[in-house]
Amino acid sequence: MFDHVKFGVSDYAVSKAFFLKAPEPLGVAVGRGANISDAFGHLEGSGKGRRHVKLKSVADINNKKLAQYLPLALQAASGA
């Protein structure tokens, strides 16, 4: 994991998923999230590649099915 500032926001990167530390809310960004079929409907964004899930509370980790997105993010990052 490494920390750096990008677009004026500090983020922590783990492989191809990013945890964006902004004032509010916490965002989990997926580098190739546009390639993920979003069956849960929580991915946000309209760019060519990256999508993110916004977490406004600890409960959102479960409510927005974050654990189900992580394997999809790894699959998208590997190009599979």
C-alpha atoms as a PDB file:
ATOM      1  CA  MET A   1       0.000   0.000   0.000  1.00  0.00           C
ATOM      2  CA  PHE A   2       1.300   3.470  -0.757  1.00  0.00           C
ATOM      3  CA  ASP A   3       0.046   6.995  -0.150  1.00  0.00           C
ATOM      4  CA  HIS A   4       0.171   9.815  -2.671  1.00  0.00           C
ATOM      5  CA  VAL A   5      -1.744  12.920  -3.682  1.00  0.00           C
ATOM      6  CA  LYS A   6      -3.576  12.943  -6.987  1.00  0.00           C
ATOM      7  CA  PHE A   7      -6.102  15.511  -8.196  1.00  0.00           C
ATOM      8  CA  GLY A   8      -5.700  17.303  -4.856  1.00  0.00           C
ATOM      9  CA  VAL A   9      -6.839  14.263  -2.844  1.00  0.00           C
ATOM     10  CA  SER A  10      -4.674  11.906  -0.815  1.00  0.00           C
ATOM     11  CA  ASP A  11      -5.194   8.265  -1.694  1.00  0.00           C
ATOM     12  CA  TYR A  12      -3.963   4.867  -0.618  1.00  0.00           C
ATOM     13  CA  ALA A  13      -3.436   2.350  -3.397  1.00  0.00           C
ATOM     14  CA  VAL A  14      -3.573  -1.413  -3.120  1.00  0.00           C
ATOM     15  CA  SER A  15      -2.901  -3.036  -6.488  1.00  0.00           C
ATOM     16  CA  LYS A  16      -5.613  -1.489  -8.703  1.00  0.00           C
ATOM     17  CA  ALA A  17      -8.131  -0.418  -6.019  1.00  0.00           C
ATOM     18  CA  PHE A  18      -7.757   2.982  -4.384  1.00  0.00           C
ATOM     19  CA  PHE A  19      -9.087   4.320  -1.106  1.00  0.00           C
ATOM     20  CA  LEU A  20      -9.641   8.039  -1.609  1.00  0.00           C
ATOM     21  CA  LYS A  21      -9.275  10.082   1.575  1.00  0.00           C
ATOM     22  CA  ALA A  22     -11.381  13.173   0.992  1.00  0.00           C
ATOM     23  CA  PRO A  23     -13.219  15.168   3.648  1.00  0.00           C
ATOM     24  CA  GLU A  24     -16.407  13.228   2.989  1.00  0.00           C
ATOM     25  CA  PRO A  25     -17.346  10.582   1.886  1.00  0.00           C
ATOM     26  CA  LEU A  26     -14.665   7.903   1.688  1.00  0.00           C
ATOM     27  CA  GLY A  27     -14.368   6.597  -1.863  1.00  0.00           C
ATOM     28  CA  VAL A  28     -13.116   3.227  -2.998  1.00  0.00           C
ATOM     29  CA  ALA A  29     -12.011   3.644  -6.607  1.00  0.00           C
ATOM     30  CA  VAL A  30     -11.476   0.821  -9.060  1.00  0.00           C
ATOM     31  CA  GLY A  31      -8.920   1.540 -11.797  1.00  0.00           C
ATOM     32  CA  ARG A  32     -10.746  -0.414 -14.500  1.00  0.00           C
ATOM     33  CA  GLY A  33     -14.178  -0.231 -12.933  1.00  0.00           C
ATOM     34  CA  ALA A  34     -15.795   0.669 -16.257  1.00  0.00           C
ATOM     35  CA  ASN A  35     -15.095  -2.944 -17.282  1.00  0.00           C
ATOM     36  CA  ILE A  36     -17.115  -4.344 -14.363  1.00  0.00           C
ATOM     37  CA  SER A  37     -20.713  -5.418 -14.818  1.00  0.00           C
ATOM     38  CA  ASP A  38     -22.340  -3.556 -11.905  1.00  0.00           C
ATOM     39  CA  ALA A  39     -25.095  -5.936 -10.783  1.00  0.00           C
ATOM     40  CA  PHE A  40     -25.371  -4.156  -7.411  1.00  0.00           C
ATOM     41  CA  GLY A  41     -25.731  -0.623  -8.820  1.00  0.00           C
ATOM     42  CA  HIS A  42     -23.284   1.145  -6.478  1.00  0.00           C
ATOM     43  CA  LEU A  43     -20.431   2.006  -8.862  1.00  0.00           C
ATOM     44  CA  GLU A  44     -20.332   5.704  -9.690  1.00  0.00           C
ATOM     45  CA  GLY A  45     -18.483   7.610 -12.379  1.00  0.00           C
ATOM     46  CA  SER A  46     -18.612   8.174 -16.102  1.00  0.00           C
ATOM     47  CA  GLY A  47     -14.966   8.316 -17.179  1.00  0.00           C
ATOM     48  CA  LYS A  48     -13.215   5.965 -19.591  1.00  0.00           C
ATOM     49  CA  GLY A  49     -11.892   3.664 -16.881  1.00  0.00           C
ATOM     50  CA  ARG A  50     -12.233   4.386 -13.183  1.00  0.00           C
ATOM     51  CA  ARG A  51     -15.379   3.875 -11.125  1.00  0.00           C
ATOM     52  CA  HIS A  52     -15.864   4.317  -7.392  1.00  0.00           C
ATOM     53  CA  VAL A  53     -18.125   3.368  -4.493  1.00  0.00           C
ATOM     54  CA  LYS A  54     -18.816   6.148  -1.988  1.00  0.00           C
ATOM     55  CA  LEU A  55     -19.001   5.126   1.666  1.00  0.00           C
ATOM     56  CA  LYS A  56     -20.739   7.661   3.912  1.00  0.00           C
ATOM     57  CA  SER A  57     -20.878   5.434   6.995  1.00  0.00           C
ATOM     58  CA  VAL A  58     -19.379   2.223   8.322  1.00  0.00           C
ATOM     59  CA  ALA A  59     -22.694   0.503   7.549  1.00  0.00           C
ATOM     60  CA  ASP A  60     -22.165   1.299   3.843  1.00  0.00           C
ATOM     61  CA  ILE A  61     -19.337  -1.260   3.755  1.00  0.00           C
ATOM     62  CA  ASN A  62     -22.030  -3.938   3.967  1.00  0.00           C
ATOM     63  CA  ASN A  63     -24.944  -1.977   2.490  1.00  0.00           C
ATOM     64  CA  LYS A  64     -23.037  -1.226  -0.695  1.00  0.00           C
ATOM     65  CA  LYS A  65     -21.616  -4.766  -0.927  1.00  0.00           C
ATOM     66  CA  LEU A  66     -17.984  -3.640  -0.924  1.00  0.00           C
ATOM     67  CA  ALA A  67     -16.678  -7.175  -0.315  1.00  0.00           C
ATOM     68  CA  GLN A  68     -18.386  -8.367  -3.512  1.00  0.00           C
ATOM     69  CA  TYR A  69     -16.754  -5.587  -5.562  1.00  0.00           C
ATOM     70  CA  LEU A  70     -13.167  -6.354  -4.520  1.00  0.00           C
ATOM     71  CA  PRO A  71     -12.825  -9.670  -6.420  1.00  0.00           C
ATOM     72  CA  LEU A  72     -14.455  -7.992  -9.441  1.00  0.00           C
ATOM     73  CA  ALA A  73     -11.886  -5.173  -9.185  1.00  0.00           C
ATOM     74  CA  LEU A  74      -9.006  -7.651  -9.126  1.00  0.00           C
ATOM     75  CA  GLN A  75     -10.459  -9.495 -12.113  1.00  0.00           C
ATOM     76  CA  ALA A  76     -10.849  -6.236 -14.058  1.00  0.00           C
ATOM     77  CA  ALA A  77      -7.297  -5.172 -13.143  1.00  0.00           C
ATOM     78  CA  SER A  78      -5.884  -8.428 -14.475  1.00  0.00           C
ATOM     79  CA  GLY A  79      -7.698  -7.878 -17.761  1.00  0.00           C
ATOM     80  CA  ALA A  80      -9.721 -11.077 -17.422  1.00  0.00           C
END
